[in-house]
């Protein structure tokens, strides 16, 4: 087994250790599933939009701990519009709101990349939309997970 030294900011050490521990226990994603997309992405016509129950369960189980926290929160608030700030606070409760929100976008971006390359999906199994401020400028992101997918996530997590 090769071992690499990678500089990690101190604030991310707990996350890195947690992901490594999950990987060693076989609970988390493998390095290949997170970092190494297939040689060729699916052709444009090969991407599916609908998610099956099996795909949602697989995606949940292959997610990082923080991705699972975000999915659990959305599942617990099924059919509700959840603002990115609220979701970020649930996933990163000890961070400043702006920092938590930026970290959340990274977590969801990584999930989207995996959805595209590993599952051949153009979109998540929950809906993102952009809120508008009263002055017309872009506001927060809003996420909605519908009840069907929320039930699948709760089942995958062992909570249903």
Protein backbone atom coordinates (compact mmCIF):
# COMPACT_ATOMS: atom_id res chain seq x y z
CA UNK A 1 0.00 0.00 0.00
CA UNK A 2 1.40 3.38 -0.99
CA UNK A 3 1.20 6.16 1.60
CA UNK A 4 1.15 9.82 0.62
CA UNK A 5 1.79 12.95 2.60
CA UNK A 6 -0.75 15.58 1.72
CA UNK A 7 -0.86 18.98 3.42
CA UNK A 8 -4.27 19.45 5.00
CA UNK A 9 -5.48 22.62 6.72
CA UNK A 10 -5.94 21.96 10.42
CA UNK A 11 -9.66 22.67 10.32
CA UNK A 12 -10.12 19.77 7.85
CA UNK A 13 -8.16 17.18 9.84
CA UNK A 14 -11.20 15.81 11.69
CA UNK A 15 -13.02 15.38 8.38
CA UNK A 16 -10.02 13.66 6.75
CA UNK A 17 -9.61 11.32 9.73
CA UNK A 18 -13.33 10.51 9.74
CA UNK A 19 -13.38 9.74 6.01
CA UNK A 20 -10.27 7.56 6.35
CA UNK A 21 -11.75 5.71 9.31
CA UNK A 22 -14.99 5.08 7.39
CA UNK A 23 -13.02 3.89 4.37
CA UNK A 24 -10.96 1.46 6.46
CA UNK A 25 -14.16 0.09 8.02
CA UNK A 26 -15.75 -0.26 4.59
CA UNK A 27 -18.51 2.24 5.42
CA UNK A 28 -17.46 5.07 3.16
CA UNK A 29 -16.73 5.55 -0.49
CA UNK A 30 -13.60 4.15 -2.06
CA UNK A 31 -10.95 6.44 -3.46
CA UNK A 32 -11.88 5.28 -6.94
CA UNK A 33 -15.54 6.17 -6.48
CA UNK A 34 -14.70 9.66 -5.25
CA UNK A 35 -11.66 10.75 -7.21
CA UNK A 36 -11.34 8.66 -10.33
CA UNK A 37 -14.08 9.14 -12.90
CA UNK A 38 -14.36 6.44 -15.54
CA UNK A 39 -12.14 6.71 -18.62
CA UNK A 40 -15.02 8.08 -20.63
CA UNK A 41 -18.05 9.85 -19.19
CA UNK A 42 -21.34 8.51 -20.46
CA UNK A 43 -22.32 9.94 -23.82
CA UNK A 44 -24.75 12.85 -23.59
CA UNK A 45 -27.71 10.66 -24.57
CA UNK A 46 -26.77 8.07 -21.94
CA UNK A 47 -27.49 10.32 -18.95
CA UNK A 48 -30.66 9.52 -17.06
CA UNK A 49 -32.64 11.96 -15.00
CA UNK A 50 -34.94 9.69 -12.99
CA UNK A 51 -33.38 7.93 -10.03
CA UNK A 52 -34.50 4.48 -8.98
CA UNK A 53 -34.71 3.40 -5.38
CA UNK A 54 -31.66 1.19 -5.83
CA UNK A 55 -29.64 4.10 -7.24
CA UNK A 56 -30.62 6.42 -4.39
CA UNK A 57 -29.73 3.78 -1.80
CA UNK A 58 -26.39 3.13 -3.50
CA UNK A 59 -25.60 6.84 -3.79
CA UNK A 60 -26.41 7.35 -0.12
CA UNK A 61 -24.28 4.43 1.02
CA UNK A 62 -21.34 5.54 -1.15
CA UNK A 63 -21.56 9.12 0.12
CA UNK A 64 -19.13 10.78 2.49
CA UNK A 65 -20.26 11.38 6.08
CA UNK A 66 -20.99 15.06 5.35
CA UNK A 67 -22.93 14.19 2.20
CA UNK A 68 -24.96 11.73 4.25
CA UNK A 69 -25.63 14.43 6.85
CA UNK A 70 -26.94 16.75 4.13
CA UNK A 71 -29.08 14.01 2.59
CA UNK A 72 -30.42 12.98 6.01
CA UNK A 73 -31.38 16.57 6.79
CA UNK A 74 -33.18 16.99 3.47
CA UNK A 75 -34.92 13.63 3.99
CA UNK A 76 -36.04 14.73 7.46
CA UNK A 77 -37.53 17.86 5.86
CA UNK A 78 -39.20 16.09 2.92
CA UNK A 79 -41.19 18.28 0.55
CA UNK A 80 -39.93 21.40 2.34
CA UNK A 81 -37.78 24.10 0.79
CA UNK A 82 -34.50 24.13 2.72
CA UNK A 83 -32.25 27.15 2.27
CA UNK A 84 -28.56 26.51 1.79
CA UNK A 85 -27.73 28.44 4.98
CA UNK A 86 -30.00 26.19 7.02
CA UNK A 87 -28.60 23.02 5.46
CA UNK A 88 -25.03 24.26 5.87
CA UNK A 89 -25.68 24.97 9.56
CA UNK A 90 -26.95 21.42 10.03
CA UNK A 91 -23.92 19.88 8.32
CA UNK A 92 -21.30 22.27 9.76
CA UNK A 93 -22.79 23.56 13.04
CA UNK A 94 -19.47 24.83 14.43
CA UNK A 95 -18.53 26.94 11.39
CA UNK A 96 -19.37 30.54 10.61
CA UNK A 97 -22.43 30.67 8.31
CA UNK A 98 -20.50 31.84 5.22
CA UNK A 99 -17.79 29.23 5.73
CA UNK A 100 -20.35 26.48 6.35
CA UNK A 101 -22.24 27.42 3.22
CA UNK A 102 -19.10 27.37 1.07
CA UNK A 103 -18.15 23.96 2.47
CA UNK A 104 -21.66 22.69 1.76
CA UNK A 105 -21.37 23.76 -1.88
CA UNK A 106 -18.16 21.73 -2.10
CA UNK A 107 -19.85 18.68 -0.57
CA UNK A 108 -22.81 18.93 -2.94
CA UNK A 109 -20.55 19.62 -5.91
CA UNK A 110 -18.61 16.43 -5.21
CA UNK A 111 -21.92 14.56 -4.93
CA UNK A 112 -23.00 15.98 -8.30
CA UNK A 113 -19.74 14.89 -9.91
CA UNK A 114 -20.21 11.38 -8.57
CA UNK A 115 -23.84 11.37 -9.73
CA UNK A 116 -22.71 12.25 -13.24
CA UNK A 117 -19.75 9.92 -13.58
CA UNK A 118 -20.66 6.97 -11.38
CA UNK A 119 -24.42 6.84 -11.85
CA UNK A 120 -24.84 8.57 -15.23
CA UNK A 121 -27.24 11.21 -13.89
CA UNK A 122 -27.62 14.79 -15.08
CA UNK A 123 -29.15 15.90 -11.81
CA UNK A 124 -29.44 15.06 -8.14
CA UNK A 125 -32.42 13.15 -6.74
CA UNK A 126 -33.44 16.34 -4.93
CA UNK A 127 -34.25 19.68 -6.50
CA UNK A 128 -31.97 22.70 -6.37
CA UNK A 129 -33.29 26.15 -7.19
CA UNK A 130 -31.97 29.67 -6.78
CA UNK A 131 -33.88 32.09 -4.57
CA UNK A 132 -34.21 35.70 -5.66
CA UNK A 133 -33.69 38.66 -3.35
CA UNK A 134 -36.25 41.47 -3.29
CA UNK A 135 -33.94 43.57 -5.49
CA UNK A 136 -33.89 40.81 -8.14
CA UNK A 137 -30.36 39.65 -7.40
CA UNK A 138 -29.54 36.00 -6.80
CA UNK A 139 -30.19 34.78 -3.28
CA UNK A 140 -29.63 31.52 -1.47
CA UNK A 141 -29.83 28.11 -3.02
CA UNK A 142 -32.91 26.17 -1.97
CA UNK A 143 -33.09 22.37 -1.91
CA UNK A 144 -36.20 20.21 -1.86
CA UNK A 145 -36.19 16.44 -1.49
CA UNK A 146 -39.55 14.91 -2.29
CA UNK A 147 -41.18 12.38 -0.02
CA UNK A 148 -40.52 9.33 -2.21
CA UNK A 149 -36.75 9.93 -2.35
CA UNK A 150 -36.71 10.98 1.31
CA UNK A 151 -38.22 7.62 2.28
CA UNK A 152 -35.51 5.86 0.26
CA UNK A 153 -32.78 7.89 1.99
CA UNK A 154 -34.24 7.14 5.42
CA UNK A 155 -34.38 3.45 4.53
CA UNK A 156 -30.76 3.51 3.28
CA UNK A 157 -29.67 5.14 6.52
CA UNK A 158 -31.49 2.52 8.60
CA UNK A 159 -33.93 5.06 10.04
CA UNK A 160 -37.04 3.57 8.43
